[in-house]
């Protein structure tokens, strides 16, 4: 992994480049990409300290300011934030007070005084994603970056998989794996049936969640596909176990167009690498 700082000398003219930033509790993933230049992709993973809120915020600030290229004027800036508290609502619900009320009912502990609700659209599903970020974090992102768009980490997955669930007539379950959590999305012919995020401590827990959801959704183990993306090592381990119970367990095919971006593309988190394809 390349840990050299992202200095402004790295890109002479950023006006045609796009910045994609993924922020989680333990790391910030940075992807710089020029869509009209092959092999242009630059990727960095920067560790963050989440021992307490103040330390985390300071480490996030340092991650940006220690890499001055990130402060340049890009053609587009998209920021994904990994968060476990979110709510999908119909796109027709546009009233902000109603959105806040629905979000508060769905997420215990939500505080309007401490956080701001962000809404981003998933037009493929006629839905809107709501999630909340601390005012301090939102304020910093909007000060540091030029016109950033802020999204929940599951938004690009929901958009991307919605376009791919139409092949065939059976239900499809998509699972995206990270080191200690997984995103699950189930699509039927009528559209999205469920979307959720689960924490797990070992492979057996992850397998349990997947099989339990399939049972609750009444998915057919012989006909309804399970497609898995994310961490490659976890994917291999979990696929081996799941094939004992499900006939069609397959990896999500990496988007071929992003191979042109550069060899680093395979190292980028999947929700970040598909973001340029579903904006």
Protein backbone atom coordinates (compact mmCIF):
# COMPACT_ATOMS: atom_id res chain seq x y z
CA UNK A 1 0.00 0.00 0.00
CA UNK A 2 1.33 3.43 -1.00
CA UNK A 3 1.47 5.72 2.05
CA UNK A 4 3.12 8.72 0.43
CA UNK A 5 1.26 12.01 1.03
CA UNK A 6 -1.04 13.31 -1.66
CA UNK A 7 0.70 16.56 -2.55
CA UNK A 8 -0.56 19.07 -5.09
CA UNK A 9 2.39 18.35 -7.39
CA UNK A 10 0.91 14.89 -8.07
CA UNK A 11 -1.75 16.34 -10.40
CA UNK A 12 -0.95 19.52 -12.28
CA UNK A 13 -4.56 20.28 -13.30
CA UNK A 14 -7.37 18.82 -11.19
CA UNK A 15 -10.20 20.46 -13.15
CA UNK A 16 -10.96 17.22 -15.05
CA UNK A 17 -10.38 14.91 -12.09
CA UNK A 18 -12.88 13.58 -9.56
CA UNK A 19 -12.30 13.02 -5.87
CA UNK A 20 -14.07 10.16 -4.11
CA UNK A 21 -13.65 9.89 -0.36
CA UNK A 22 -15.01 7.12 1.89
CA UNK A 23 -15.05 7.86 5.62
CA UNK A 24 -15.42 5.11 8.22
CA UNK A 25 -14.56 4.89 11.91
CA UNK A 26 -11.11 3.39 11.42
CA UNK A 27 -10.04 4.70 8.02
CA UNK A 28 -10.57 7.12 5.16
CA UNK A 29 -10.29 5.72 1.63
CA UNK A 30 -9.30 8.19 -1.08
CA UNK A 31 -9.82 7.61 -4.80
CA UNK A 32 -8.72 10.17 -7.39
CA UNK A 33 -9.85 9.45 -10.93
CA UNK A 34 -9.86 11.13 -14.34
CA UNK A 35 -12.63 9.46 -16.40
CA UNK A 36 -11.09 10.52 -19.72
CA UNK A 37 -7.60 9.21 -18.94
CA UNK A 38 -6.83 5.48 -18.73
CA UNK A 39 -4.70 4.26 -15.81
CA UNK A 40 -5.22 7.52 -13.95
CA UNK A 41 -6.64 6.12 -10.71
CA UNK A 42 -4.81 7.04 -7.48
CA UNK A 43 -5.79 5.27 -4.25
CA UNK A 44 -4.82 5.78 -0.63
CA UNK A 45 -6.09 4.30 2.63
CA UNK A 46 -5.51 6.56 5.65
CA UNK A 47 -5.92 5.23 9.20
CA UNK A 48 -8.16 7.13 11.63
CA UNK A 49 -8.15 7.03 15.43
CA UNK A 50 -11.67 6.45 16.80
CA UNK A 51 -10.77 6.04 20.48
CA UNK A 52 -13.15 8.94 21.29
CA UNK A 53 -15.16 11.52 19.34
CA UNK A 54 -12.69 14.38 19.72
CA UNK A 55 -9.70 12.24 18.75
CA UNK A 56 -11.59 10.87 15.77
CA UNK A 57 -12.50 14.33 14.51
CA UNK A 58 -8.92 15.52 14.88
CA UNK A 59 -7.56 12.49 13.00
CA UNK A 60 -10.09 13.14 10.20
CA UNK A 61 -8.91 16.74 9.96
CA UNK A 62 -5.28 15.60 9.86
CA UNK A 63 -6.06 13.02 7.17
CA UNK A 64 -7.27 15.83 4.93
CA UNK A 65 -4.79 18.58 5.79
CA UNK A 66 -1.78 16.24 5.63
CA UNK A 67 -2.76 15.47 2.03
CA UNK A 68 -3.10 18.96 0.48
CA UNK A 69 -4.05 17.62 -2.96
CA UNK A 70 -7.47 16.81 -1.48
CA UNK A 71 -8.14 20.54 -1.04
CA UNK A 72 -7.83 21.24 -4.78
CA UNK A 73 -10.67 22.29 -7.07
CA UNK A 74 -11.92 19.03 -8.63
CA UNK A 75 -14.58 18.56 -11.30
CA UNK A 76 -16.62 16.56 -8.79
CA UNK A 77 -16.26 15.62 -5.13
CA UNK A 78 -18.28 12.72 -3.69
CA UNK A 79 -17.98 11.67 -0.07
CA UNK A 80 -19.33 8.35 1.26
CA UNK A 81 -19.84 8.01 5.00
CA UNK A 82 -20.11 4.56 6.57
CA UNK A 83 -22.86 4.63 9.17
CA UNK A 84 -25.15 2.04 10.74
CA UNK A 85 -28.07 4.39 11.42
CA UNK A 86 -30.06 5.15 8.30
CA UNK A 87 -33.55 5.00 6.86
CA UNK A 88 -34.92 4.45 3.35
CA UNK A 89 -38.11 6.36 2.62
CA UNK A 90 -40.22 6.90 -0.53
CA UNK A 91 -38.90 9.71 -2.71
CA UNK A 92 -42.23 11.53 -2.41
CA UNK A 93 -41.49 12.31 1.26
CA UNK A 94 -39.75 15.66 0.81
CA UNK A 95 -40.86 17.53 3.94
CA UNK A 96 -37.78 17.88 6.15
CA UNK A 97 -39.73 17.87 9.42
CA UNK A 98 -41.47 14.63 8.45
CA UNK A 99 -38.13 13.13 7.40
CA UNK A 100 -36.64 14.01 10.78
CA UNK A 101 -39.64 12.56 12.62
CA UNK A 102 -39.47 9.29 10.69
CA UNK A 103 -35.71 9.05 11.19
CA UNK A 104 -35.98 9.67 14.94
CA UNK A 105 -38.60 6.92 15.31
CA UNK A 106 -36.45 4.46 13.39
CA UNK A 107 -33.15 5.27 15.14
CA UNK A 108 -33.18 5.43 18.93
CA UNK A 109 -30.69 7.88 20.37
CA UNK A 110 -30.90 10.28 17.44
CA UNK A 111 -30.40 13.89 18.54
CA UNK A 112 -31.38 16.78 16.28
CA UNK A 113 -29.26 19.11 18.43
CA UNK A 114 -26.05 17.16 17.74
CA UNK A 115 -26.51 15.92 14.18
CA UNK A 116 -27.77 16.91 10.75
CA UNK A 117 -29.88 14.62 8.59
CA UNK A 118 -28.47 14.15 5.08
CA UNK A 119 -30.79 13.00 2.29
CA UNK A 120 -29.61 11.49 -0.99
CA UNK A 121 -31.75 10.08 -3.77
CA UNK A 122 -31.87 6.55 -5.17
CA UNK A 123 -33.95 7.22 -8.26
CA UNK A 124 -33.73 3.61 -9.50
CA UNK A 125 -35.80 2.60 -6.46
CA UNK A 126 -37.90 5.78 -6.20
CA UNK A 127 -36.44 6.10 -2.73
CA UNK A 128 -34.49 8.53 -0.57
CA UNK A 129 -31.71 7.60 1.85
CA UNK A 130 -31.64 9.43 5.20
CA UNK A 131 -28.67 9.34 7.58
CA UNK A 132 -27.34 11.64 10.27
CA UNK A 133 -23.88 13.11 10.76
CA UNK A 134 -22.53 15.20 13.64
CA UNK A 135 -22.74 18.93 12.90
CA UNK A 136 -19.00 19.19 13.49
CA UNK A 137 -18.19 16.60 10.81
CA UNK A 138 -20.63 18.04 8.26
CA UNK A 139 -19.31 21.54 8.86
CA UNK A 140 -15.71 20.42 8.38
CA UNK A 141 -16.46 18.55 5.14
CA UNK A 142 -18.27 21.54 3.67
CA UNK A 143 -15.50 23.94 4.69
CA UNK A 144 -12.60 21.78 3.53
CA UNK A 145 -13.97 20.66 0.16
CA UNK A 146 -15.40 22.55 -2.79
CA UNK A 147 -19.11 21.73 -3.18
CA UNK A 148 -18.93 18.14 -1.90
CA UNK A 149 -21.83 15.75 -2.32
CA UNK A 150 -22.25 13.59 0.79
CA UNK A 151 -23.75 10.10 0.54
CA UNK A 152 -24.42 7.16 2.81
CA UNK A 153 -22.11 4.22 2.07
CA UNK A 154 -25.02 2.00 1.00
CA UNK A 155 -26.34 4.47 -1.59
CA UNK A 156 -23.96 3.47 -4.43
CA UNK A 157 -24.57 -0.22 -3.67
CA UNK A 158 -28.35 0.20 -3.84
CA UNK A 159 -28.07 2.18 -7.07
CA UNK A 160 -25.60 -0.20 -8.69
CA UNK A 161 -27.34 -3.44 -7.76
CA UNK A 162 -30.78 -2.08 -8.65
CA UNK A 163 -29.63 -1.91 -12.27
CA UNK A 164 -28.34 -5.51 -12.12
CA UNK A 165 -31.21 -7.26 -10.40
CA UNK A 166 -33.34 -7.15 -13.57
CA UNK A 167 -31.53 -10.07 -15.24
CA UNK A 168 -33.78 -13.13 -14.78
CA UNK A 169 -37.09 -13.56 -13.01
CA UNK A 170 -35.89 -14.87 -9.66
CA UNK A 171 -35.19 -12.88 -6.51
CA UNK A 172 -31.59 -11.77 -5.98
CA UNK A 173 -29.72 -11.25 -2.74
CA UNK A 174 -26.60 -9.05 -2.76
CA UNK A 175 -24.14 -9.15 0.15
CA UNK A 176 -21.29 -6.70 0.48
CA UNK A 177 -18.57 -7.77 2.96
CA UNK A 178 -16.23 -5.66 5.05
CA UNK A 179 -13.89 -6.73 7.83
CA UNK A 180 -16.50 -6.66 10.61
CA UNK A 181 -19.79 -5.82 8.90
CA UNK A 182 -21.91 -6.66 5.89
CA UNK A 183 -24.58 -4.95 3.83
CA UNK A 184 -27.52 -7.05 2.65
CA UNK A 185 -29.89 -6.07 -0.16
CA UNK A 186 -32.70 -8.29 -1.42
CA UNK A 187 -34.49 -7.52 -4.69
CA UNK A 188 -37.60 -9.19 -6.05
CA UNK A 189 -39.45 -8.60 -9.31
CA UNK A 190 -41.36 -5.81 -7.58
CA UNK A 191 -38.19 -3.99 -6.51
CA UNK A 192 -36.22 -3.71 -3.28
CA UNK A 193 -37.51 -5.95 -0.51
CA UNK A 194 -34.98 -5.16 2.21
CA UNK A 195 -31.69 -3.37 2.88
CA UNK A 196 -29.77 -3.54 6.14
CA UNK A 197 -26.28 -3.54 7.66
CA UNK A 198 -25.06 -6.04 10.26
CA UNK A 199 -21.97 -6.24 12.44
CA UNK A 200 -20.29 -9.63 12.89
CA UNK A 201 -17.27 -10.92 14.78
CA UNK A 202 -16.62 -14.15 12.84
CA UNK A 203 -17.60 -15.96 9.65
CA UNK A 204 -20.21 -18.11 11.38
CA UNK A 205 -22.10 -14.98 12.48
CA UNK A 206 -22.05 -13.60 8.95
CA UNK A 207 -23.35 -16.90 7.55
CA UNK A 208 -26.09 -16.96 10.18
CA UNK A 209 -27.33 -13.48 9.23
CA UNK A 210 -27.39 -14.31 5.52
CA UNK A 211 -29.24 -17.61 5.94
CA UNK A 212 -31.69 -16.15 8.47
CA UNK A 213 -32.56 -13.29 6.13
CA UNK A 214 -33.06 -15.67 3.22
CA UNK A 215 -35.40 -17.73 5.36
CA UNK A 216 -37.37 -14.65 6.48
CA UNK A 217 -37.59 -13.45 2.88
CA UNK A 218 -38.67 -16.96 1.78
CA UNK A 219 -35.92 -17.12 -0.84
CA UNK A 220 -35.56 -20.37 -2.73
CA UNK A 221 -32.16 -21.97 -1.95
CA UNK A 222 -32.11 -23.65 -5.38
CA UNK A 223 -33.34 -20.81 -7.59
CA UNK A 224 -32.72 -17.42 -5.98
CA UNK A 225 -29.18 -16.20 -6.45
CA UNK A 226 -26.77 -14.88 -3.83
CA UNK A 227 -24.13 -12.49 -5.20
CA UNK A 228 -21.24 -11.42 -2.97
CA UNK A 229 -18.90 -8.44 -3.22
CA UNK A 230 -16.34 -6.85 -0.92
CA UNK A 231 -13.33 -8.17 0.99
CA UNK A 232 -11.80 -10.93 -1.17
CA UNK A 233 -10.50 -13.14 1.67
CA UNK A 234 -13.83 -13.04 3.50
CA UNK A 235 -15.68 -13.66 0.26
CA UNK A 236 -13.75 -16.88 -0.39
CA UNK A 237 -14.31 -18.18 3.14
CA UNK A 238 -17.98 -17.35 3.32
CA UNK A 239 -18.75 -18.66 -0.19
CA UNK A 240 -17.33 -22.07 0.68
CA UNK A 241 -19.72 -22.38 3.64
CA UNK A 242 -22.78 -20.90 1.94
CA UNK A 243 -22.54 -23.29 -1.03
CA UNK A 244 -23.56 -26.08 1.37
CA UNK A 245 -26.97 -24.42 1.70
CA UNK A 246 -27.50 -22.35 -1.46
CA UNK A 247 -27.15 -23.55 -5.05
CA UNK A 248 -26.24 -20.28 -6.74
CA UNK A 249 -23.55 -18.40 -4.76
CA UNK A 250 -21.43 -16.19 -7.00
CA UNK A 251 -19.07 -13.24 -6.76
CA UNK A 252 -20.28 -9.91 -8.08
CA UNK A 253 -18.45 -9.30 -11.35
CA UNK A 254 -16.03 -6.38 -11.04
CA UNK A 255 -17.15 -3.53 -13.34
CA UNK A 256 -14.98 -3.88 -16.43
CA UNK A 257 -14.98 -0.17 -17.23
CA UNK A 258 -13.12 0.54 -13.98
CA UNK A 259 -10.25 -1.79 -14.97
CA UNK A 260 -9.32 0.95 -17.43
CA UNK A 261 -8.93 3.36 -14.53
CA UNK A 262 -5.80 1.57 -13.32
CA UNK A 263 -4.42 -1.47 -11.54
CA UNK A 264 -5.23 0.07 -8.13
CA UNK A 265 -8.95 -0.25 -8.85
CA UNK A 266 -9.09 -3.75 -7.34
CA UNK A 267 -7.83 -2.38 -4.00
CA UNK A 268 -10.59 0.22 -3.70
CA UNK A 269 -13.66 -0.62 -1.54
CA UNK A 270 -16.42 -1.82 -3.84
CA UNK A 271 -18.96 0.83 -2.78
CA UNK A 272 -16.39 3.49 -3.67
CA UNK A 273 -15.26 2.00 -6.99
CA UNK A 274 -18.83 1.79 -8.34
CA UNK A 275 -19.70 5.35 -7.33
CA UNK A 276 -18.58 6.85 -10.68
CA UNK A 277 -20.89 4.38 -12.46
CA UNK A 278 -24.10 5.35 -10.67
CA UNK A 279 -23.95 9.08 -9.98
